[in-house]
Amino acid sequence: MLRFSNVTKAYDGHIALDGLSFFINKGSTTVLIGPSGCGKSTILKLVACLIPADSGSISIDDRVMAADSIYSLRTRIGYVIQDGGLFPHLNGAQNVTLMARYIKWDRDRIKERLDELCRLVHFPEALLQRFPDELSGGQKQRISLMRALMLDPDLLLLDEPLGALDPMIRHDLQRELKDIFRTLNKTVLLVTHDMGEAAFLDNDIIILRNGRLVQQGSLADLLDNPGEKFVEDFIQAQRSHWLLLDREQH
């Protein structure tokens, strides 16, 4: 579904991605994790066509991203950022349906899709008329997820979508996200800094460090066959968190 081939990206001379190559399969959930500044969010911005790569190539379904394909690719990608990124002057319904209205879906189609998404993410329809500053953190993230899913994208990008939430709300939304990913069978690329969250949400994990891929595989692979000592140390540092979530999962 998605392939990075020797991709580099630098900001003001600082290397964010250093010859990065990886691929993810259609219908899978892949989690990007690593220390701050390792390139996780840069990867999502590149896939979302928000910034260009300095070199290398990125392809979706074997179609290489290029200037003439950005618009069509963007409609196939849903994107949720850490703080939700909702427009404060638009209510919930207007935020969710923004792109559908922009590409001129008819009113009945928009209403039908909005109803589907409310059911999917367990969001009360009555709250759609509220503005972002009238919603809780969890409600805002549900609105953001609905907006990302509005056009029924092939690829869903989530940049630490639960990072700013308190532990109880985060716990509940982790379970809901896992159910949603399973129900929709979308290709998902998710950034987190929490190994427990990565282990809970799915089995394909990419560990990054200094803009390079250190290791990709399931948690069992990373535990049993760490590619280098950094992988061992990184997992050990968060072991109590992911063990707790793993017990809850089973």
C-alpha atoms as a PDB file:
ATOM      1  CA  MET A   1       0.000   0.000   0.000  1.00  0.00           C
ATOM      2  CA  LEU A   2       2.762   2.433   0.973  1.00  0.00           C
ATOM      3  CA  ARG A   3       6.458   2.344   0.151  1.00  0.00           C
ATOM      4  CA  PHE A   4       9.330   4.644   1.102  1.00  0.00           C
ATOM      5  CA  SER A   5      12.458   4.203  -1.018  1.00  0.00           C
ATOM      6  CA  ASN A   6      15.647   5.860   0.247  1.00  0.00           C
ATOM      7  CA  VAL A   7      13.770   8.987   1.368  1.00  0.00           C
ATOM      8  CA  THR A   8      15.698  11.901   2.851  1.00  0.00           C
ATOM      9  CA  LYS A   9      14.413  15.107   4.417  1.00  0.00           C
ATOM     10  CA  ALA A  10      16.272  17.910   6.181  1.00  0.00           C
ATOM     11  CA  TYR A  11      15.154  21.103   7.917  1.00  0.00           C
ATOM     12  CA  ASP A  12      17.690  23.954   7.867  1.00  0.00           C
ATOM     13  CA  GLY A  13      20.520  21.479   7.534  1.00  0.00           C
ATOM     14  CA  HIS A  14      19.228  19.154  10.271  1.00  0.00           C
ATOM     15  CA  ILE A  15      18.541  15.671   8.904  1.00  0.00           C
ATOM     16  CA  ALA A  16      15.069  14.440   9.826  1.00  0.00           C
ATOM     17  CA  LEU A  17      15.023  11.348   7.586  1.00  0.00           C
ATOM     18  CA  ASP A  18      18.241   9.730   6.415  1.00  0.00           C
ATOM     19  CA  GLY A  19      17.737   7.383   3.460  1.00  0.00           C
ATOM     20  CA  LEU A  20      14.611   5.801   4.934  1.00  0.00           C
ATOM     21  CA  SER A  21      13.130   2.725   3.235  1.00  0.00           C
ATOM     22  CA  PHE A  22      10.176   0.600   4.357  1.00  0.00           C
ATOM     23  CA  PHE A  23       6.819  -0.669   3.117  1.00  0.00           C
ATOM     24  CA  ILE A  24       3.469  -1.424   4.718  1.00  0.00           C
ATOM     25  CA  ASN A  25       0.827  -3.806   3.442  1.00  0.00           C
ATOM     26  CA  LYS A  26      -2.726  -2.942   2.480  1.00  0.00           C
ATOM     27  CA  GLY A  27      -5.209  -3.378   5.318  1.00  0.00           C
ATOM     28  CA  SER A  28      -2.523  -3.412   8.017  1.00  0.00           C
ATOM     29  CA  THR A  29      -2.021  -1.155  11.022  1.00  0.00           C
ATOM     30  CA  THR A  30       1.583  -0.033  11.361  1.00  0.00           C
ATOM     31  CA  VAL A  31       2.858   1.954  14.320  1.00  0.00           C
ATOM     32  CA  LEU A  32       5.826   4.352  14.127  1.00  0.00           C
ATOM     33  CA  ILE A  33       7.656   4.765  17.419  1.00  0.00           C
ATOM     34  CA  GLY A  34      10.953   6.136  18.628  1.00  0.00           C
ATOM     35  CA  PRO A  35      12.534   8.974  20.617  1.00  0.00           C
ATOM     36  CA  SER A  36      11.491  12.572  20.044  1.00  0.00           C
ATOM     37  CA  GLY A  37      12.992  13.963  16.852  1.00  0.00           C
ATOM     38  CA  CYS A  38      13.436  10.565  15.198  1.00  0.00           C
ATOM     39  CA  GLY A  39      11.302  11.505  12.158  1.00  0.00           C
ATOM     40  CA  LYS A  40       7.899  10.022  13.006  1.00  0.00           C
ATOM     41  CA  SER A  41       5.765  13.090  12.288  1.00  0.00           C
ATOM     42  CA  THR A  42       7.868  14.000   9.252  1.00  0.00           C
ATOM     43  CA  ILE A  43       6.939  10.651   7.695  1.00  0.00           C
ATOM     44  CA  LEU A  44       3.224  11.410   8.077  1.00  0.00           C
ATOM     45  CA  LYS A  45       3.618  14.925   6.663  1.00  0.00           C
ATOM     46  CA  LEU A  46       5.394  13.500   3.618  1.00  0.00           C
ATOM     47  CA  VAL A  47       2.677  10.900   3.048  1.00  0.00           C
ATOM     48  CA  ALA A  48      -0.030  13.553   3.471  1.00  0.00           C
ATOM     49  CA  CYS A  49       1.706  15.639   0.770  1.00  0.00           C
ATOM     50  CA  LEU A  50       2.178  18.535   3.207  1.00  0.00           C
ATOM     51  CA  ILE A  51       5.936  18.723   2.599  1.00  0.00           C
ATOM     52  CA  PRO A  52       8.163  17.362  -0.194  1.00  0.00           C
ATOM     53  CA  ALA A  53      10.993  14.878   0.245  1.00  0.00           C
ATOM     54  CA  ASP A  54      14.499  16.110  -0.590  1.00  0.00           C
ATOM     55  CA  SER A  55      15.311  12.847  -2.364  1.00  0.00           C
ATOM     56  CA  GLY A  56      14.032   9.306  -2.769  1.00  0.00           C
ATOM     57  CA  SER A  57      10.473   8.304  -3.627  1.00  0.00           C
ATOM     58  CA  ILE A  58       7.179   7.589  -1.877  1.00  0.00           C
ATOM     59  CA  SER A  59       4.497   5.505  -3.578  1.00  0.00           C
ATOM     60  CA  ILE A  60       0.935   4.523  -2.787  1.00  0.00           C
ATOM     61  CA  ASP A  61      -0.349   1.418  -4.599  1.00  0.00           C
ATOM     62  CA  ASP A  62       2.799   1.596  -6.767  1.00  0.00           C
ATOM     63  CA  ARG A  63       1.922   5.147  -7.838  1.00  0.00           C
ATOM     64  CA  VAL A  64       4.845   7.459  -7.097  1.00  0.00           C
ATOM     65  CA  MET A  65       3.930  10.731  -5.439  1.00  0.00           C
ATOM     66  CA  ALA A  66       4.616  13.645  -7.746  1.00  0.00           C
ATOM     67  CA  ALA A  67       3.450  17.226  -8.175  1.00  0.00           C
ATOM     68  CA  ASP A  68       0.772  16.216 -10.700  1.00  0.00           C
ATOM     69  CA  SER A  69      -0.682  13.498  -8.450  1.00  0.00           C
ATOM     70  CA  ILE A  70      -0.844  15.298  -5.095  1.00  0.00           C
ATOM     71  CA  TYR A  71      -4.481  16.418  -5.353  1.00  0.00           C
ATOM     72  CA  SER A  72      -5.841  12.994  -6.286  1.00  0.00           C
ATOM     73  CA  LEU A  73      -3.731  11.292  -3.614  1.00  0.00           C
ATOM     74  CA  ARG A  74      -4.891  13.650  -0.872  1.00  0.00           C
ATOM     75  CA  THR A  75      -8.509  12.577  -1.332  1.00  0.00           C
ATOM     76  CA  ARG A  76      -7.406   8.988  -0.638  1.00  0.00           C
ATOM     77  CA  ILE A  77      -5.718   9.902   2.656  1.00  0.00           C
ATOM     78  CA  GLY A  78      -7.261  10.752   6.031  1.00  0.00           C
ATOM     79  CA  TYR A  79      -5.097  12.601   8.557  1.00  0.00           C
ATOM     80  CA  VAL A  80      -5.550  13.135  12.313  1.00  0.00           C
ATOM     81  CA  ILE A  81      -3.038  15.342  14.097  1.00  0.00           C
ATOM     82  CA  GLN A  82      -2.191  15.367  17.795  1.00  0.00           C
ATOM     83  CA  ASP A  83      -4.380  18.256  18.941  1.00  0.00           C
ATOM     84  CA  GLY A  84      -7.192  17.466  16.506  1.00  0.00           C
ATOM     85  CA  GLY A  85      -6.618  20.499  14.304  1.00  0.00           C
ATOM     86  CA  LEU A  86     -10.285  21.477  14.273  1.00  0.00           C
ATOM     87  CA  PHE A  87     -11.274  24.850  12.880  1.00  0.00           C
ATOM     88  CA  PRO A  88     -12.585  26.838  15.873  1.00  0.00           C
ATOM     89  CA  HIS A  89     -15.094  28.873  13.813  1.00  0.00           C
ATOM     90  CA  LEU A  90     -16.791  25.709  12.469  1.00  0.00           C
ATOM     91  CA  ASN A  91     -19.076  23.445  14.499  1.00  0.00           C
ATOM     92  CA  GLY A  92     -18.542  19.693  14.671  1.00  0.00           C
ATOM     93  CA  ALA A  93     -20.632  18.860  11.620  1.00  0.00           C
ATOM     94  CA  GLN A  94     -18.993  21.596   9.548  1.00  0.00           C
ATOM     95  CA  ASN A  95     -15.520  20.373  10.528  1.00  0.00           C
ATOM     96  CA  VAL A  96     -16.334  16.768   9.637  1.00  0.00           C
ATOM     97  CA  THR A  97     -17.926  17.565   6.277  1.00  0.00           C
ATOM     98  CA  LEU A  98     -15.511  20.274   5.148  1.00  0.00           C
ATOM     99  CA  MET A  99     -13.804  18.302   2.361  1.00  0.00           C
ATOM    100  CA  ALA A 100     -17.013  16.638   1.210  1.00  0.00           C
ATOM    101  CA  ARG A 101     -18.590  20.044   0.768  1.00  0.00           C
ATOM    102  CA  TYR A 102     -15.459  21.340  -0.974  1.00  0.00           C
ATOM    103  CA  ILE A 103     -15.576  18.585  -3.600  1.00  0.00           C
ATOM    104  CA  LYS A 104     -19.344  19.136  -3.890  1.00  0.00           C
ATOM    105  CA  TRP A 105     -20.914  15.976  -2.536  1.00  0.00           C
ATOM    106  CA  ASP A 106     -24.692  16.366  -2.537  1.00  0.00           C
ATOM    107  CA  ARG A 107     -26.508  17.040   0.731  1.00  0.00           C
ATOM    108  CA  ASP A 108     -28.086  13.577   1.052  1.00  0.00           C
ATOM    109  CA  ARG A 109     -24.760  11.834   0.557  1.00  0.00           C
ATOM    110  CA  ILE A 110     -23.115  14.029   3.186  1.00  0.00           C
ATOM    111  CA  LYS A 111     -25.916  13.391   5.688  1.00  0.00           C
ATOM    112  CA  GLU A 112     -25.783   9.631   5.132  1.00  0.00           C
ATOM    113  CA  ARG A 113     -22.019   9.522   5.616  1.00  0.00           C
ATOM    114  CA  LEU A 114     -22.196  11.732   8.696  1.00  0.00           C
ATOM    115  CA  ASP A 115     -24.761   9.397  10.277  1.00  0.00           C
ATOM    116  CA  GLU A 116     -22.522   6.388   9.518  1.00  0.00           C
ATOM    117  CA  LEU A 117     -19.525   8.035  11.154  1.00  0.00           C
ATOM    118  CA  CYS A 118     -21.463   9.036  14.284  1.00  0.00           C
ATOM    119  CA  ARG A 119     -22.427   5.400  14.750  1.00  0.00           C
ATOM    120  CA  LEU A 120     -18.891   4.196  14.033  1.00  0.00           C
ATOM    121  CA  VAL A 121     -17.132   6.405  16.589  1.00  0.00           C
ATOM    122  CA  HIS A 122     -20.034   6.490  19.100  1.00  0.00           C
ATOM    123  CA  PHE A 123     -20.502  10.230  18.832  1.00  0.00           C
ATOM    124  CA  PRO A 124     -23.901  11.712  19.845  1.00  0.00           C
ATOM    125  CA  GLU A 125     -25.441  13.432  16.826  1.00  0.00           C
ATOM    126  CA  ALA A 126     -26.762  16.265  19.008  1.00  0.00           C
ATOM    127  CA  LEU A 127     -23.187  17.346  19.804  1.00  0.00           C
ATOM    128  CA  LEU A 128     -22.365  17.961  16.136  1.00  0.00           C
ATOM    129  CA  GLN A 129     -23.746  21.500  16.476  1.00  0.00           C
ATOM    130  CA  ARG A 130     -21.222  22.388  19.168  1.00  0.00           C
ATOM    131  CA  PHE A 131     -18.020  24.276  18.416  1.00  0.00           C
ATOM    132  CA  PRO A 132     -14.586  22.831  19.348  1.00  0.00           C
ATOM    133  CA  ASP A 133     -14.248  24.943  22.513  1.00  0.00           C
ATOM    134  CA  GLU A 134     -17.563  23.458  23.709  1.00  0.00           C
ATOM    135  CA  LEU A 135     -16.310  19.861  23.396  1.00  0.00           C
ATOM    136  CA  SER A 136     -14.161  17.700  25.667  1.00  0.00           C
ATOM    137  CA  GLY A 137     -10.758  16.429  24.537  1.00  0.00           C
ATOM    138  CA  GLY A 138     -12.140  12.991  23.719  1.00  0.00           C
ATOM    139  CA  GLN A 139     -15.070  14.461  21.792  1.00  0.00           C
ATOM    140  CA  LYS A 140     -12.731  16.656  19.736  1.00  0.00           C
ATOM    141  CA  GLN A 141     -10.597  13.656  18.816  1.00  0.00           C
ATOM    142  CA  ARG A 142     -13.700  11.739  17.710  1.00  0.00           C
ATOM    143  CA  ILE A 143     -14.669  14.696  15.501  1.00  0.00           C
ATOM    144  CA  SER A 144     -11.125  14.735  14.067  1.00  0.00           C
ATOM    145  CA  LEU A 145     -11.306  11.022  13.327  1.00  0.00           C
ATOM    146  CA  MET A 146     -14.696  11.430  11.658  1.00  0.00           C
ATOM    147  CA  ARG A 147     -13.299  14.226   9.492  1.00  0.00           C
ATOM    148  CA  ALA A 148     -10.358  12.031   8.471  1.00  0.00           C
ATOM    149  CA  LEU A 149     -12.742   9.207   7.530  1.00  0.00           C
ATOM    150  CA  MET A 150     -15.358  11.358   5.784  1.00  0.00           C
ATOM    151  CA  LEU A 151     -14.210  10.618   2.225  1.00  0.00           C
ATOM    152  CA  ASP A 152     -13.692   6.916   3.023  1.00  0.00           C
ATOM    153  CA  PRO A 153      -9.913   7.103   2.435  1.00  0.00           C
ATOM    154  CA  ASP A 154      -7.710   4.137   1.582  1.00  0.00           C
ATOM    155  CA  LEU A 155      -4.985   5.245   3.993  1.00  0.00           C
ATOM    156  CA  LEU A 156      -5.452   6.701   7.475  1.00  0.00           C
ATOM    157  CA  LEU A 157      -2.657   8.681   9.156  1.00  0.00           C
ATOM    158  CA  LEU A 158      -2.758   9.425  12.894  1.00  0.00           C
ATOM    159  CA  ASP A 159      -0.104  11.536  14.616  1.00  0.00           C
ATOM    160  CA  GLU A 160      -0.223  10.783  18.354  1.00  0.00           C
ATOM    161  CA  PRO A 161      -4.023  11.119  18.297  1.00  0.00           C
ATOM    162  CA  LEU A 162      -4.369  10.279  21.983  1.00  0.00           C
ATOM    163  CA  GLY A 163      -1.242  11.976  23.313  1.00  0.00           C
ATOM    164  CA  ALA A 164      -2.969  15.013  24.847  1.00  0.00           C
ATOM    165  CA  LEU A 165      -5.772  13.103  26.597  1.00  0.00           C
ATOM    166  CA  ASP A 166      -5.983  12.121  30.245  1.00  0.00           C
ATOM    167  CA  PRO A 167      -5.279   8.429  31.016  1.00  0.00           C
ATOM    168  CA  MET A 168      -8.891   7.255  31.430  1.00  0.00           C
ATOM    169  CA  ILE A 169     -10.125   8.826  28.188  1.00  0.00           C
ATOM    170  CA  ARG A 170      -7.004   7.623  26.401  1.00  0.00           C
ATOM    171  CA  HIS A 171      -7.596   4.081  27.631  1.00  0.00           C
ATOM    172  CA  ASP A 172     -11.170   4.056  26.310  1.00  0.00           C
ATOM    173  CA  LEU A 173     -10.221   5.548  22.945  1.00  0.00           C
ATOM    174  CA  GLN A 174      -7.396   3.048  22.473  1.00  0.00           C
ATOM    175  CA  ARG A 175      -9.957   0.256  22.638  1.00  0.00           C
ATOM    176  CA  GLU A 176     -12.334   2.101  20.312  1.00  0.00           C
ATOM    177  CA  LEU A 177      -9.601   2.807  17.766  1.00  0.00           C
ATOM    178  CA  LYS A 178      -8.592  -0.840  17.725  1.00  0.00           C
ATOM    179  CA  ASP A 179     -12.204  -1.862  17.066  1.00  0.00           C
ATOM    180  CA  ILE A 180     -12.583   0.784  14.345  1.00  0.00           C
ATOM    181  CA  PHE A 181      -9.397  -0.315  12.574  1.00  0.00           C
ATOM    182  CA  ARG A 182     -10.592  -3.928  12.652  1.00  0.00           C
ATOM    183  CA  THR A 183     -14.082  -3.022  11.422  1.00  0.00           C
ATOM    184  CA  LEU A 184     -12.973  -0.807   8.525  1.00  0.00           C
ATOM    185  CA  ASN A 185      -9.978  -2.884   7.394  1.00  0.00           C
ATOM    186  CA  LYS A 186      -8.189   0.342   6.433  1.00  0.00           C
ATOM    187  CA  THR A 187      -4.466   0.734   5.983  1.00  0.00           C
ATOM    188  CA  VAL A 188      -3.381   2.695   9.059  1.00  0.00           C
ATOM    189  CA  LEU A 189      -0.090   4.424   9.839  1.00  0.00           C
ATOM    190  CA  LEU A 190      -0.020   5.699  13.414  1.00  0.00           C
ATOM    191  CA  VAL A 191       2.590   7.631  15.375  1.00  0.00           C
ATOM    192  CA  THR A 192       2.957   7.208  19.126  1.00  0.00           C
ATOM    193  CA  HIS A 193       5.686   7.636  21.724  1.00  0.00           C
ATOM    194  CA  ASP A 194       4.170   4.903  23.922  1.00  0.00           C
ATOM    195  CA  MET A 195       5.264   1.286  23.364  1.00  0.00           C
ATOM    196  CA  GLY A 196       2.245   0.069  25.338  1.00  0.00           C
ATOM    197  CA  GLU A 197      -0.053   1.816  22.897  1.00  0.00           C
ATOM    198  CA  ALA A 198       1.940   0.483  19.942  1.00  0.00           C
ATOM    199  CA  ALA A 199       1.727  -3.079  21.264  1.00  0.00           C
ATOM    200  CA  PHE A 200      -1.983  -2.777  21.993  1.00  0.00           C
ATOM    201  CA  LEU A 201      -3.076  -1.294  18.666  1.00  0.00           C
ATOM    202  CA  ASP A 202      -1.381  -3.791  16.395  1.00  0.00           C
ATOM    203  CA  ASN A 203       1.455  -6.183  15.610  1.00  0.00           C
ATOM    204  CA  ASP A 204       3.528  -4.254  13.039  1.00  0.00           C
ATOM    205  CA  ILE A 205       5.871  -1.783  14.716  1.00  0.00           C
ATOM    206  CA  ILE A 206       8.589   0.360  13.144  1.00  0.00           C
ATOM    207  CA  ILE A 207      11.234   1.651  15.555  1.00  0.00           C
ATOM    208  CA  LEU A 208      13.028   4.782  14.352  1.00  0.00           C
ATOM    209  CA  ARG A 209      16.145   6.559  15.559  1.00  0.00           C
ATOM    210  CA  ASN A 210      17.804   9.650  14.094  1.00  0.00           C
ATOM    211  CA  GLY A 211      15.762   9.441  10.913  1.00  0.00           C
ATOM    212  CA  ARG A 212      16.641   5.811  10.233  1.00  0.00           C
ATOM    213  CA  LEU A 213      14.648   2.601  10.525  1.00  0.00           C
ATOM    214  CA  VAL A 214      16.164   0.520  13.300  1.00  0.00           C
ATOM    215  CA  GLN A 215      13.798  -2.475  13.115  1.00  0.00           C
ATOM    216  CA  GLN A 216      10.339  -3.412  11.820  1.00  0.00           C
ATOM    217  CA  GLY A 217       8.228  -6.306  13.051  1.00  0.00           C
ATOM    218  CA  SER A 218       5.801  -7.531  15.677  1.00  0.00           C
ATOM    219  CA  LEU A 219       6.403  -6.907  19.359  1.00  0.00           C
ATOM    220  CA  ALA A 220       7.368 -10.579  19.672  1.00  0.00           C
ATOM    221  CA  ASP A 221       9.985 -10.115  16.927  1.00  0.00           C
ATOM    222  CA  LEU A 222      11.398  -7.043  18.632  1.00  0.00           C
ATOM    223  CA  LEU A 223      11.528  -8.807  21.999  1.00  0.00           C
ATOM    224  CA  ASP A 224      12.950 -12.114  20.776  1.00  0.00           C
ATOM    225  CA  ASN A 225      15.290 -10.847  18.069  1.00  0.00           C
ATOM    226  CA  PRO A 226      16.252  -7.224  18.711  1.00  0.00           C
ATOM    227  CA  GLY A 227      18.282  -5.880  15.796  1.00  0.00           C
ATOM    228  CA  GLU A 228      20.539  -3.855  18.070  1.00  0.00           C
ATOM    229  CA  LYS A 229      20.929  -2.904  21.708  1.00  0.00           C
ATOM    230  CA  PHE A 230      18.912   0.296  21.215  1.00  0.00           C
ATOM    231  CA  VAL A 231      15.797  -1.815  20.526  1.00  0.00           C
ATOM    232  CA  GLU A 232      16.320  -3.754  23.759  1.00  0.00           C
ATOM    233  CA  ASP A 233      16.881  -0.581  25.774  1.00  0.00           C
ATOM    234  CA  PHE A 234      13.937   1.262  24.213  1.00  0.00           C
ATOM    235  CA  ILE A 235      11.484  -1.556  24.946  1.00  0.00           C
ATOM    236  CA  GLN A 236      12.849  -2.148  28.429  1.00  0.00           C
ATOM    237  CA  ALA A 237      12.404   1.539  29.286  1.00  0.00           C
ATOM    238  CA  GLN A 238       8.647   1.256  28.653  1.00  0.00           C
ATOM    239  CA  ARG A 239       8.136  -2.355  29.641  1.00  0.00           C
ATOM    240  CA  SER A 240       5.736  -1.760  32.549  1.00  0.00           C
ATOM    241  CA  HIS A 241       3.355   0.208  30.319  1.00  0.00           C
ATOM    242  CA  TRP A 242       3.061  -2.292  27.506  1.00  0.00           C
ATOM    243  CA  LEU A 243       2.871  -5.276  29.840  1.00  0.00           C
ATOM    244  CA  LEU A 244      -0.180  -3.708  31.519  1.00  0.00           C
ATOM    245  CA  LEU A 245      -1.937  -3.138  28.189  1.00  0.00           C
ATOM    246  CA  ASP A 246      -0.961  -6.607  26.972  1.00  0.00           C
ATOM    247  CA  ARG A 247      -2.624  -8.204  30.004  1.00  0.00           C
ATOM    248  CA  GLU A 248      -5.787  -6.173  29.388  1.00  0.00           C
ATOM    249  CA  GLN A 249      -5.797  -7.185  25.726  1.00  0.00           C
ATOM    250  CA  HIS A 250      -5.718 -10.860  26.628  1.00  0.00           C
END
